[in-house]
Amino acid sequence: MEDAALTPSDRRRLVRDLAVAYLLAWAVGIAYGFIVRSSSTWDTGAAWERSTLEWFHMKLPGWLDAIVLAMPLTGTNLTILPAAIAIGWWLWKRKHMGLIAVQILVVAVGSLSLNPTMKYLLGRDRPDLFPRRGIYNWASYPSGHAILTIALYFTVAMMLYRARGWRWPFLVAAFVFLANSFSRLYLAVHWPTDLVGGMLIGIAWFVGTWRAFSRHRERVGDEIGAVSTPPDLAVAQN
């Protein structure tokens, strides 16, 4: 269902709600970062963080090491942003699902833009226990991979659940997040608290954007899909 009755007022309210969601996600990340930064272990890592990195620095078979080394490609702007743009264009032009396309792009771009401002303001050094490998640059906190994999993948999972009643996409989203988190520790490019901060930011951004677009759909109509009630619940109601 396309939002043909969309008015300037509707757009303004959506933009306002998204701005509030963005600021709240940013505030969560900054607040948690300052809490960790207030300790004496900001740049050197707490004892438990160093022991965690030592535990994750294990020897894996060559084929599995290659998979873990490539896993961050599922949570970086190098691959996700072009994919989001392509999928958004396809949904808008081919499927006439403009609102879904906008939501995916907003979540992706917001996830990617939340990361650098916090890195600049908080400036945490990356771990130095082992040689760092794979995709990484700039400061350590927060983990951009954690932000993106939580916010974007769970947004898509929720969309599929609403449209088809599918639950398995949540398992895929959880796997991608956990696999990326494992890889960031295994490749020695993040402290564990970087991942916790990224996860909190991602959850806040996911919840905020989902709420903003849900409120927008209540005003202009639901575009996500024909199946709004999961099949098992529909059977039970019948």
Protein backbone atom coordinates (compact mmCIF):
# COMPACT_ATOMS: atom_id res chain seq x y z
CA MET A 1 0.00 0.00 0.00
CA GLU A 2 1.57 3.29 -1.11
CA ASP A 3 1.23 6.41 1.04
CA ALA A 4 -0.66 8.45 -1.52
CA ALA A 5 -2.33 10.63 1.12
CA LEU A 6 0.98 11.77 2.61
CA THR A 7 0.93 15.43 3.60
CA PRO A 8 3.74 17.88 4.50
CA SER A 9 2.58 17.61 8.12
CA ASP A 10 3.01 13.83 8.01
CA ARG A 11 6.52 14.22 6.64
CA ARG A 12 7.46 16.75 9.31
CA ARG A 13 6.25 14.49 12.09
CA LEU A 14 8.19 11.55 10.68
CA VAL A 15 11.35 13.64 10.40
CA ARG A 16 10.83 14.93 13.95
CA ASP A 17 10.37 11.41 15.35
CA LEU A 18 13.46 10.17 13.51
CA ALA A 19 15.50 13.11 14.78
CA VAL A 20 14.45 12.30 18.35
CA ALA A 21 15.36 8.63 17.81
CA TYR A 22 18.76 9.61 16.44
CA LEU A 23 19.52 11.94 19.33
CA LEU A 24 18.48 9.32 21.88
CA ALA A 25 20.67 6.65 20.26
CA TRP A 26 23.56 9.12 20.18
CA ALA A 27 22.97 10.04 23.83
CA VAL A 28 22.98 6.36 24.84
CA GLY A 29 26.32 5.84 23.11
CA ILE A 30 27.91 8.98 24.54
CA ALA A 31 26.62 8.27 28.05
CA TYR A 32 27.90 4.70 28.08
CA GLY A 33 31.20 5.82 26.54
CA PHE A 34 31.75 8.45 29.22
CA ILE A 35 30.92 5.92 31.94
CA VAL A 36 33.60 3.55 30.63
CA ARG A 37 35.96 6.44 29.96
CA SER A 38 35.68 7.61 33.56
CA SER A 39 37.50 4.46 34.64
CA SER A 40 41.28 4.14 34.53
CA THR A 41 41.07 1.35 31.95
CA TRP A 42 39.75 3.32 28.96
CA ASP A 43 42.84 3.01 26.77
CA THR A 44 44.41 -0.09 28.27
CA GLY A 45 41.27 -2.17 28.83
CA ALA A 46 40.06 -3.63 32.11
CA ALA A 47 41.57 -6.89 33.34
CA TRP A 48 38.49 -8.82 32.27
CA GLU A 49 38.62 -7.24 28.80
CA ARG A 50 42.26 -8.20 28.32
CA SER A 51 41.62 -11.76 29.48
CA THR A 52 38.60 -11.95 27.14
CA LEU A 53 40.75 -10.89 24.17
CA GLU A 54 43.37 -13.46 25.16
CA TRP A 55 40.69 -16.16 25.26
CA PHE A 56 39.33 -15.15 21.83
CA HIS A 57 42.85 -15.14 20.35
CA MET A 58 42.63 -18.83 19.55
CA LYS A 59 44.04 -20.87 16.71
CA LEU A 60 41.39 -21.67 14.11
CA PRO A 61 41.65 -23.90 11.02
CA GLY A 62 42.65 -21.95 7.92
CA TRP A 63 39.24 -22.21 6.26
CA LEU A 64 37.43 -21.03 9.41
CA ASP A 65 39.93 -18.21 9.94
CA ALA A 66 39.17 -17.02 6.39
CA ILE A 67 35.43 -17.00 7.13
CA VAL A 68 35.90 -15.05 10.36
CA LEU A 69 38.20 -12.62 8.55
CA ALA A 70 35.50 -12.01 5.92
CA MET A 71 32.57 -11.82 8.36
CA PRO A 72 32.93 -8.04 8.99
CA LEU A 73 31.90 -7.48 5.35
CA THR A 74 28.34 -8.21 6.52
CA GLY A 75 28.41 -5.17 8.81
CA THR A 76 30.46 -2.45 7.11
CA ASN A 77 29.49 0.56 5.00
CA LEU A 78 31.78 -0.75 2.26
CA THR A 79 29.18 -3.39 1.43
CA ILE A 80 25.99 -2.59 3.35
CA LEU A 81 25.46 0.98 2.15
CA PRO A 82 25.65 0.09 -1.58
CA ALA A 83 23.41 -2.91 -0.92
CA ALA A 84 20.88 -0.77 0.97
CA ILE A 85 20.80 1.78 -1.85
CA ALA A 86 20.30 -0.95 -4.47
CA ILE A 87 17.58 -2.71 -2.48
CA GLY A 88 15.90 0.60 -1.69
CA TRP A 89 15.83 1.56 -5.37
CA TRP A 90 14.37 -1.86 -6.28
CA LEU A 91 11.66 -1.62 -3.60
CA TRP A 92 10.77 1.91 -4.65
CA LYS A 93 10.82 1.52 -8.42
CA ARG A 94 9.85 -2.12 -8.93
CA LYS A 95 7.68 -2.96 -5.94
CA HIS A 96 6.23 0.50 -5.26
CA MET A 97 7.16 0.21 -1.58
CA GLY A 98 8.66 3.63 -1.10
CA LEU A 99 8.16 3.81 2.65
CA ILE A 100 9.93 0.49 3.24
CA ALA A 101 12.79 1.65 1.01
CA VAL A 102 13.09 4.88 2.98
CA GLN A 103 13.06 3.02 6.29
CA ILE A 104 15.87 0.68 5.25
CA LEU A 105 17.99 3.57 3.98
CA VAL A 106 17.35 5.69 7.07
CA VAL A 107 18.33 2.85 9.41
CA ALA A 108 21.46 2.05 7.38
CA VAL A 109 22.66 5.64 6.97
CA GLY A 110 21.82 6.48 10.58
CA SER A 111 23.74 3.45 11.84
CA LEU A 112 26.78 4.40 9.80
CA SER A 113 26.70 8.08 10.81
CA LEU A 114 26.25 7.49 14.54
CA ASN A 115 29.63 5.78 14.71
CA PRO A 116 32.19 8.43 13.57
CA THR A 117 31.01 11.29 15.79
CA MET A 118 31.46 9.16 18.90
CA LYS A 119 34.84 7.91 17.73
CA TYR A 120 35.94 11.52 17.27
CA LEU A 121 34.61 12.77 20.61
CA LEU A 122 35.76 9.85 22.76
CA GLY A 123 38.89 8.76 20.89
CA ARG A 124 39.60 5.36 22.43
CA ASP A 125 42.73 3.50 21.36
CA ARG A 126 42.31 0.06 19.87
CA PRO A 127 43.64 -3.00 21.72
CA ASP A 128 47.36 -3.64 21.39
CA LEU A 129 47.58 -7.14 22.84
CA PHE A 130 47.89 -8.84 19.45
CA PRO A 131 48.45 -7.79 15.83
CA ARG A 132 45.20 -6.34 14.52
CA ARG A 133 43.72 -7.91 11.38
CA GLY A 134 40.93 -7.28 8.92
CA ILE A 135 38.77 -4.19 8.44
CA TYR A 136 39.34 -1.42 10.98
CA ASN A 137 40.26 2.24 11.13
CA TRP A 138 40.22 5.24 13.44
CA ALA A 139 39.22 4.94 17.11
CA SER A 140 37.95 1.85 18.88
CA TYR A 141 34.73 2.99 20.57
CA PRO A 142 32.01 2.22 19.63
CA SER A 143 31.81 -0.81 17.37
CA GLY A 144 30.13 0.32 14.17
CA HIS A 145 29.62 -3.31 13.19
CA ALA A 146 27.57 -3.88 16.36
CA ILE A 147 25.45 -0.78 15.71
CA LEU A 148 24.68 -1.72 12.12
CA THR A 149 24.07 -5.45 12.56
CA ILE A 150 21.66 -4.86 15.44
CA ALA A 151 19.72 -1.95 13.91
CA LEU A 152 19.52 -2.95 10.25
CA TYR A 153 19.26 -6.73 10.38
CA PHE A 154 16.61 -6.69 13.10
CA THR A 155 14.66 -4.03 11.20
CA VAL A 156 14.56 -6.31 8.16
CA ALA A 157 13.64 -9.25 10.40
CA MET A 158 10.72 -7.28 11.85
CA MET A 159 9.56 -6.32 8.37
CA LEU A 160 9.57 -9.95 7.25
CA TYR A 161 7.77 -11.00 10.41
CA ARG A 162 5.02 -8.45 9.81
CA ALA A 163 4.74 -9.24 6.10
CA ARG A 164 5.07 -13.04 6.21
CA GLY A 165 4.88 -14.07 9.82
CA TRP A 166 8.41 -15.49 9.56
CA ARG A 167 10.45 -15.86 12.74
CA TRP A 168 13.63 -17.35 11.25
CA PRO A 169 14.98 -13.93 10.10
CA PHE A 170 15.45 -13.06 13.78
CA LEU A 171 17.79 -16.05 14.08
CA VAL A 172 19.72 -14.84 11.03
CA ALA A 173 19.97 -11.34 12.49
CA ALA A 174 21.17 -12.69 15.84
CA PHE A 175 23.72 -14.93 14.12
CA VAL A 176 25.12 -12.05 12.05
CA PHE A 177 25.46 -9.87 15.15
CA LEU A 178 27.12 -12.62 17.22
CA ALA A 179 29.41 -13.68 14.36
CA ASN A 180 30.52 -10.09 13.82
CA SER A 181 31.10 -9.63 17.54
CA PHE A 182 33.18 -12.80 17.66
CA SER A 183 35.21 -11.68 14.66
CA ARG A 184 35.96 -8.24 16.14
CA LEU A 185 37.36 -9.86 19.29
CA TYR A 186 39.13 -12.66 17.42
CA LEU A 187 40.78 -10.16 15.08
CA ALA A 188 41.82 -8.07 18.12
CA VAL A 189 40.37 -4.78 16.84
CA HIS A 190 37.87 -4.01 19.63
CA TRP A 191 37.61 -4.05 23.38
CA PRO A 192 34.53 -5.96 24.63
CA THR A 193 33.04 -2.72 26.00
CA ASP A 194 33.18 -1.29 22.46
CA LEU A 195 30.81 -4.07 21.41
CA VAL A 196 28.52 -3.49 24.39
CA GLY A 197 28.33 0.21 23.55
CA GLY A 198 27.64 -0.55 19.89
CA MET A 199 24.93 -3.02 20.86
CA LEU A 200 23.20 -0.47 23.12
CA ILE A 201 23.34 2.20 20.40
CA GLY A 202 22.03 -0.26 17.82
CA ILE A 203 19.12 -1.29 20.03
CA ALA A 204 18.22 2.34 20.72
CA TRP A 205 18.35 3.24 17.01
CA PHE A 206 16.37 0.14 16.01
CA VAL A 207 13.62 0.76 18.59
CA GLY A 208 13.49 4.48 17.85
CA THR A 209 13.25 4.16 14.08
CA TRP A 210 10.76 1.31 14.26
CA ARG A 211 8.55 3.36 16.56
CA ALA A 212 8.83 6.43 14.30
CA PHE A 213 7.87 4.55 11.14
CA SER A 214 5.13 2.60 12.94
CA ARG A 215 3.53 5.84 14.11
CA HIS A 216 3.83 7.18 10.56
CA ARG A 217 2.10 4.10 9.16
CA GLU A 218 -0.74 4.50 11.63
CA ARG A 219 -1.35 7.94 10.14
CA VAL A 220 -0.99 7.13 6.43
CA GLY A 221 -1.56 3.38 6.13
CA ASP A 222 0.45 0.18 6.50
CA GLU A 223 2.69 -0.60 3.54
CA ILE A 224 4.73 -3.49 4.90
CA GLY A 225 2.64 -6.41 3.78
CA ALA A 226 -0.63 -8.19 3.48
CA VAL A 227 -0.03 -10.43 6.48
CA SER A 228 0.01 -8.41 9.69
CA THR A 229 -0.95 -11.32 11.96
CA PRO A 230 1.35 -14.37 12.18
CA PRO A 231 -0.21 -17.48 10.59
CA ASP A 232 -0.36 -19.47 13.83
CA LEU A 233 -2.19 -16.64 15.62
CA ALA A 234 -4.58 -16.25 12.69
CA VAL A 235 -5.45 -19.96 12.87
CA ALA A 236 -5.99 -19.70 16.60
CA GLN A 237 -8.34 -16.74 16.12
CA ASN A 238 -10.36 -18.69 13.55
